Protein backbone atom coordinates (compact mmCIF):
# COMPACT_ATOMS: atom_id res chain seq x y z
CA UNK A 1 -34.65 -4.47 30.11
CA UNK A 2 -35.03 -1.80 27.42
CA UNK A 3 -34.98 0.98 30.02
CA UNK A 4 -31.81 -0.45 31.58
CA UNK A 5 -30.08 -0.48 28.18
CA UNK A 6 -31.10 3.13 27.51
CA UNK A 7 -29.89 4.27 30.93
CA UNK A 8 -26.59 2.43 30.48
CA UNK A 9 -26.12 4.03 27.05
CA UNK A 10 -26.81 7.55 28.35
CA UNK A 11 -24.54 7.13 31.39
CA UNK A 12 -21.69 5.69 29.31
CA UNK A 13 -22.08 8.51 26.78
CA UNK A 14 -21.93 11.14 29.52
CA UNK A 15 -18.92 9.40 31.06
CA UNK A 16 -17.04 9.40 27.77
CA UNK A 17 -17.87 13.07 27.24
CA UNK A 18 -16.43 13.92 30.64
CA UNK A 19 -13.18 12.18 29.73
CA UNK A 20 -12.97 14.18 26.49
CA UNK A 21 -11.09 12.30 23.82
CA UNK A 22 -9.86 9.47 26.09
CA UNK A 23 -12.58 7.20 24.71
CA UNK A 24 -13.36 7.11 20.99
CA UNK A 25 -16.17 4.96 19.54
CA UNK A 26 -16.27 4.59 15.74
CA UNK A 27 -18.97 2.60 13.89
CA UNK A 28 -18.25 1.15 10.43
CA UNK A 29 -20.76 -0.06 7.84
CA UNK A 30 -19.74 -1.56 4.50
CA UNK A 31 -20.40 -4.08 1.77
CA UNK A 32 -18.13 -6.88 0.53
CA UNK A 33 -18.51 -7.67 -3.16
CA UNK A 34 -18.33 -11.34 -4.08
CA UNK A 35 -16.19 -13.07 -6.63
CA UNK A 36 -13.37 -15.53 -7.03
CA UNK A 37 -9.75 -15.08 -5.99
CA UNK A 38 -6.54 -17.08 -6.12
CA UNK A 39 -3.60 -16.76 -3.72
CA UNK A 40 0.11 -17.13 -4.47
CA UNK A 41 0.00 -20.90 -3.81
CA UNK A 42 -2.77 -21.51 -6.34
CA UNK A 43 -5.60 -21.96 -3.81
CA UNK A 44 -8.91 -20.65 -5.15
CA UNK A 45 -11.49 -18.88 -3.02
CA UNK A 46 -15.15 -18.12 -3.77
CA UNK A 47 -16.18 -15.03 -1.79
CA UNK A 48 -19.89 -14.45 -1.14
CA UNK A 49 -21.20 -10.87 -1.22
CA UNK A 50 -22.43 -9.56 2.14
CA UNK A 51 -23.06 -6.46 4.23
CA UNK A 52 -20.71 -5.85 7.17
CA UNK A 53 -20.77 -3.80 10.35
CA UNK A 54 -17.99 -3.11 12.83
CA UNK A 55 -17.44 -1.08 15.97
CA UNK A 56 -14.04 0.23 17.05
CA UNK A 57 -13.50 1.41 20.64
CA UNK A 58 -10.26 3.17 21.59
CA UNK A 59 -9.08 4.04 25.10
CA UNK A 60 -6.25 6.57 25.45
CA UNK A 61 -4.11 7.61 28.41
CA UNK A 62 -0.74 9.31 28.70
CA UNK A 63 1.15 6.00 28.71
CA UNK A 64 -1.12 3.37 27.12
CA UNK A 65 -3.46 3.12 24.13
CA UNK A 66 -5.96 0.25 23.79
CA UNK A 67 -8.09 -0.51 20.75
CA UNK A 68 -10.78 -3.14 20.28
CA UNK A 69 -12.60 -3.88 17.02
CA UNK A 70 -15.71 -6.01 16.70
CA UNK A 71 -16.84 -7.21 13.24
CA UNK A 72 -20.23 -8.64 12.31
CA UNK A 73 -21.21 -10.16 8.95
CA UNK A 74 -24.81 -9.30 8.10
CA UNK A 75 -26.62 -12.02 6.16
CA UNK A 76 -28.89 -10.70 3.40
């Protein structure tokens, strides 16, 4: 299973290199600080601090542009 994942990663990387900038993969890592907030209607929110990770994948062509973003909250 591990070997299959590695092969798939290498092949997909080579494929995206051959298409130049038609496929863009961007990883994001960040941290959300906790605290309390209140919206315009008076609702109060208690936000827990946490680490976050996201991956954005963009596909470009001459006529269409697609973008997909995946977000994961990392529990500490």
